[in-house]
Amino acid sequence: MITTLNVFGQPLENCSCDPMTGYFRDGFCNTISSDSGTHVVCAIVTNEFLEYSLKKGNDLITPKPNWNFPGLKAGDKWCLCVSRWKEAEKANVAPKIDLNATHQLALEYVSLELLQQYSI
C-alpha cells in the first residue's frame, strides 16, 4: 500500500469521520485523477464559507441522504476542493485548515506559506 503524504511530507492524517469526509468517504483527503474537484484541503468550515459556497452553487448545508451526505455546519471538518478553497481565500472567506490532514497535492495549487496562514 502506498502511503499518501500531507503538505509537510509526513503521512496524511485523518480529516474527519464525523461527518465522514473525503473523495472516497474514508475520512482522508485523498484523491485520484477522476476526482475533478481535487478534494485535498482539510478545512474546518465556517458559516461564512458555507454561505459563500452556496452562493457559488455548491450547497454543503442541505443533507442529501441519497449521497450519504449529512449536510455541514460550522465547525465540521471537510475535504474541500483546493480550487474552491483558493477562490474563498481570494474572497476573504477561506476557512482554517488542518495541514496534517491536507494532501500534498494542494501544494501544486497553493503555496505552503499561504496554507500556513490558515493553519489551525
Protein backbone atom coordinates (compact mmCIF):
# COMPACT_ATOMS: atom_id res chain seq x y z
CA MET A 1 0.00 0.00 0.00
CA ILE A 2 1.24 3.47 -0.89
CA THR A 3 1.36 5.98 1.94
CA THR A 4 -0.09 9.32 0.93
CA LEU A 5 1.58 12.40 2.33
CA ASN A 6 0.46 15.71 3.73
CA VAL A 7 1.87 19.14 2.86
CA PHE A 8 4.79 18.55 5.26
CA GLY A 9 5.80 15.28 3.56
CA GLN A 10 4.51 13.25 6.53
CA PRO A 11 1.83 10.52 6.40
CA LEU A 12 -1.58 12.06 5.72
CA GLU A 13 -3.71 12.23 8.87
CA ASN A 14 -7.45 11.67 9.12
CA CYS A 15 -9.56 14.76 8.44
CA SER A 16 -12.97 13.64 9.74
CA CYS A 17 -15.09 10.55 10.27
CA ASP A 18 -17.98 12.56 11.77
CA PRO A 19 -19.11 13.66 9.28
CA MET A 20 -17.37 11.12 7.07
CA THR A 21 -15.42 13.10 4.50
CA GLY A 22 -13.05 12.59 1.60
CA TYR A 23 -13.49 11.78 -2.05
CA PHE A 24 -13.55 8.10 -1.02
CA ARG A 25 -15.62 8.82 2.13
CA ASP A 26 -12.90 7.24 4.22
CA GLY A 27 -12.09 10.26 6.40
CA PHE A 28 -8.97 11.21 4.45
CA CYS A 29 -8.40 13.96 1.86
CA ASN A 30 -7.01 11.53 -0.71
CA THR A 31 -7.58 11.97 -4.43
CA ILE A 32 -7.26 10.26 -7.81
CA SER A 33 -7.28 11.59 -11.35
CA SER A 34 -11.06 11.15 -11.70
CA ASP A 35 -11.58 13.50 -8.70
CA SER A 36 -12.21 16.55 -10.87
CA GLY A 37 -12.53 18.77 -7.79
CA THR A 38 -9.25 17.63 -6.21
CA HIS A 39 -10.73 17.36 -2.68
CA VAL A 40 -7.42 17.67 -0.81
CA VAL A 41 -7.80 20.55 1.69
CA CYS A 42 -8.94 19.54 5.17
CA ALA A 43 -10.93 22.59 6.26
CA ILE A 44 -12.87 23.50 9.39
CA VAL A 45 -15.89 25.06 7.75
CA THR A 46 -17.47 28.29 8.93
CA ASN A 47 -20.95 29.71 8.35
CA GLU A 48 -19.34 32.43 6.23
CA PHE A 49 -17.65 29.83 4.00
CA LEU A 50 -20.78 27.65 3.77
CA GLU A 51 -22.86 30.64 2.65
CA TYR A 52 -20.17 31.61 0.13
CA SER A 53 -20.10 28.08 -1.28
CA LEU A 54 -23.91 28.05 -1.50
CA LYS A 55 -23.85 31.31 -3.49
CA LYS A 56 -21.30 29.70 -5.82
CA GLY A 57 -23.72 26.83 -6.49
CA ASN A 58 -22.33 24.21 -4.12
CA ASP A 59 -24.79 23.59 -1.28
CA LEU A 60 -22.82 21.97 1.52
CA ILE A 61 -25.51 22.77 4.11
CA THR A 62 -28.52 20.72 2.98
CA PRO A 63 -28.41 17.00 3.82
CA LYS A 64 -28.52 14.69 0.78
CA PRO A 65 -29.26 11.22 2.20
CA ASN A 66 -29.15 9.57 -1.24
CA TRP A 67 -25.46 10.61 -1.42
CA ASN A 68 -24.87 9.72 2.24
CA PHE A 69 -24.21 13.41 2.87
CA PRO A 70 -25.37 14.75 6.26
CA GLY A 71 -25.03 18.45 5.44
CA LEU A 72 -22.35 20.55 7.10
CA LYS A 73 -22.45 23.05 9.94
CA ALA A 74 -19.82 25.46 11.25
CA GLY A 75 -17.01 23.59 12.97
CA ASP A 76 -17.26 20.45 10.84
CA LYS A 77 -14.05 19.28 9.17
CA TRP A 78 -14.41 18.54 5.46
CA CYS A 79 -12.18 17.79 2.48
CA LEU A 80 -12.64 20.77 0.20
CA CYS A 81 -11.73 21.22 -3.44
CA VAL A 82 -8.45 23.09 -3.47
CA SER A 83 -9.73 25.43 -6.20
CA ARG A 84 -12.81 26.39 -4.12
CA TRP A 85 -10.63 26.98 -1.04
CA LYS A 86 -8.29 29.17 -3.10
CA GLU A 87 -11.27 31.07 -4.52
CA ALA A 88 -12.66 31.57 -0.98
CA GLU A 89 -9.27 32.81 0.17
CA LYS A 90 -9.31 35.50 -2.50
CA ALA A 91 -12.83 36.46 -1.33
CA ASN A 92 -11.65 36.63 2.31
CA VAL A 93 -13.90 33.78 3.47
CA ALA A 94 -11.45 30.86 3.46
CA PRO A 95 -11.83 28.56 6.45
CA LYS A 96 -8.95 27.44 8.66
CA ILE A 97 -7.30 24.19 7.64
CA ASP A 98 -5.67 21.17 9.25
CA LEU A 99 -2.35 20.94 7.43
CA ASN A 100 -1.58 17.49 8.84
CA ALA A 101 -4.70 16.20 7.06
CA THR A 102 -4.25 18.26 3.87
CA HIS A 103 -2.88 16.23 0.94
CA GLN A 104 0.47 17.29 -0.53
CA LEU A 105 -1.18 17.74 -3.94
CA ALA A 106 -2.59 21.03 -2.58
CA LEU A 107 0.93 22.43 -2.98
CA GLU A 108 0.54 22.25 -6.76
CA TYR A 109 -2.19 24.91 -6.44
CA VAL A 110 -1.35 26.90 -3.30
CA SER A 111 1.93 27.74 -1.60
CA LEU A 112 2.76 26.21 1.77
CA GLU A 113 3.24 29.76 3.09
CA LEU A 114 -0.33 30.67 2.21
CA LEU A 115 -1.72 27.44 3.64
CA GLN A 116 0.22 28.02 6.87
CA GLN A 117 -1.54 31.38 7.32
CA TYR A 118 -4.80 29.41 7.73
CA SER A 119 -3.43 26.56 9.81
CA ILE A 120 -5.26 25.53 12.97
